[in-house]
Amino acid sequence: MPKAFVMINVHPGKEQEAQEEVRKMPGVQFVHQVTGAHDMIAFVDADPYEELAVIISKIRKLDSVRVTDTELVLR
């Protein structure tokens, strides 16, 4: 089952809005606001791979999201 960590940067002041929208998406196991290079991190677990790609695409299209960086889990 494909899994990925999605690092998300959002527009200033949109952190709560983005977190709530991402949390509601099927396949998103968790999303947390974090410190560092990114504003939040989400863990996505979906099957098949194409569904993982759809979820990541939906995250990227949110108005509150500026940019994402996705790291696939190898094992």
Protein backbone atom coordinates (compact mmCIF):
# COMPACT_ATOMS: atom_id res chain seq x y z
CA MET A 1 0.00 0.00 0.00
CA PRO A 2 1.61 3.32 -1.07
CA LYS A 3 2.36 5.73 1.75
CA ALA A 4 3.82 9.21 1.75
CA PHE A 5 4.70 12.11 4.00
CA VAL A 6 3.50 15.37 2.47
CA MET A 7 5.20 18.53 3.67
CA ILE A 8 2.92 21.50 3.14
CA ASN A 9 3.59 25.23 3.05
CA VAL A 10 0.54 27.46 3.30
CA HIS A 11 -0.29 31.11 2.79
CA PRO A 12 0.26 33.17 5.96
CA GLY A 13 -2.72 33.01 8.29
CA LYS A 14 -4.22 29.99 6.51
CA GLU A 15 -2.66 27.29 8.71
CA GLN A 16 -5.84 26.27 10.53
CA GLU A 17 -7.93 26.31 7.35
CA ALA A 18 -5.42 24.14 5.49
CA GLN A 19 -5.07 21.69 8.38
CA GLU A 20 -8.85 21.21 8.62
CA GLU A 21 -9.24 20.73 4.85
CA VAL A 22 -6.39 18.23 4.60
CA ARG A 23 -7.56 16.31 7.69
CA LYS A 24 -10.96 15.64 6.05
CA MET A 25 -9.47 13.98 2.96
CA PRO A 26 -9.82 10.21 2.67
CA GLY A 27 -6.45 8.49 3.01
CA VAL A 28 -4.94 11.21 5.23
CA GLN A 29 -3.96 9.48 8.46
CA PHE A 30 -2.80 12.63 10.25
CA VAL A 31 -1.78 16.23 9.66
CA HIS A 32 0.15 18.38 12.12
CA GLN A 33 1.42 21.94 12.13
CA VAL A 34 5.20 21.87 12.60
CA THR A 35 8.18 24.16 12.95
CA GLY A 36 11.03 24.28 10.46
CA ALA A 37 11.13 24.52 6.70
CA HIS A 38 7.45 23.56 6.29
CA ASP A 39 4.23 24.69 7.94
CA MET A 40 2.67 21.25 8.32
CA ILE A 41 3.16 17.59 7.58
CA ALA A 42 0.55 15.03 6.56
CA PHE A 43 0.78 11.26 6.30
CA VAL A 44 -1.18 9.72 3.42
CA ASP A 45 -1.93 6.01 3.05
CA ALA A 46 -3.83 5.04 -0.11
CA ASP A 47 -4.19 2.15 -2.49
CA PRO A 48 -3.60 1.91 -5.40
CA TYR A 49 -0.78 4.32 -6.20
CA GLU A 50 -3.08 6.32 -8.48
CA GLU A 51 -5.31 7.12 -5.48
CA LEU A 52 -2.27 8.43 -3.60
CA ALA A 53 -1.56 10.72 -6.56
CA VAL A 54 -5.17 11.96 -6.54
CA ILE A 55 -5.02 12.84 -2.83
CA ILE A 56 -1.73 14.68 -3.22
CA SER A 57 -3.16 16.57 -6.19
CA LYS A 58 -6.19 17.61 -4.11
CA ILE A 59 -3.92 18.89 -1.34
CA ARG A 60 -1.88 20.90 -3.86
CA LYS A 61 -5.05 22.50 -5.31
CA LEU A 62 -6.31 23.89 -1.99
CA ASP A 63 -6.47 27.70 -2.03
CA SER A 64 -4.70 27.83 1.34
CA VAL A 65 -1.71 25.77 0.11
CA ARG A 66 1.33 27.43 -1.50
CA VAL A 67 3.55 24.41 -2.19
CA THR A 68 4.03 20.78 -1.20
CA ASP A 69 6.97 18.39 -1.01
CA THR A 70 6.10 14.69 -1.06
CA GLU A 71 8.34 11.93 0.29
CA LEU A 72 7.27 8.35 -0.58
CA VAL A 73 7.74 5.71 2.10
CA LEU A 74 9.93 2.86 0.82
CA ARG A 75 9.10 0.30 3.52
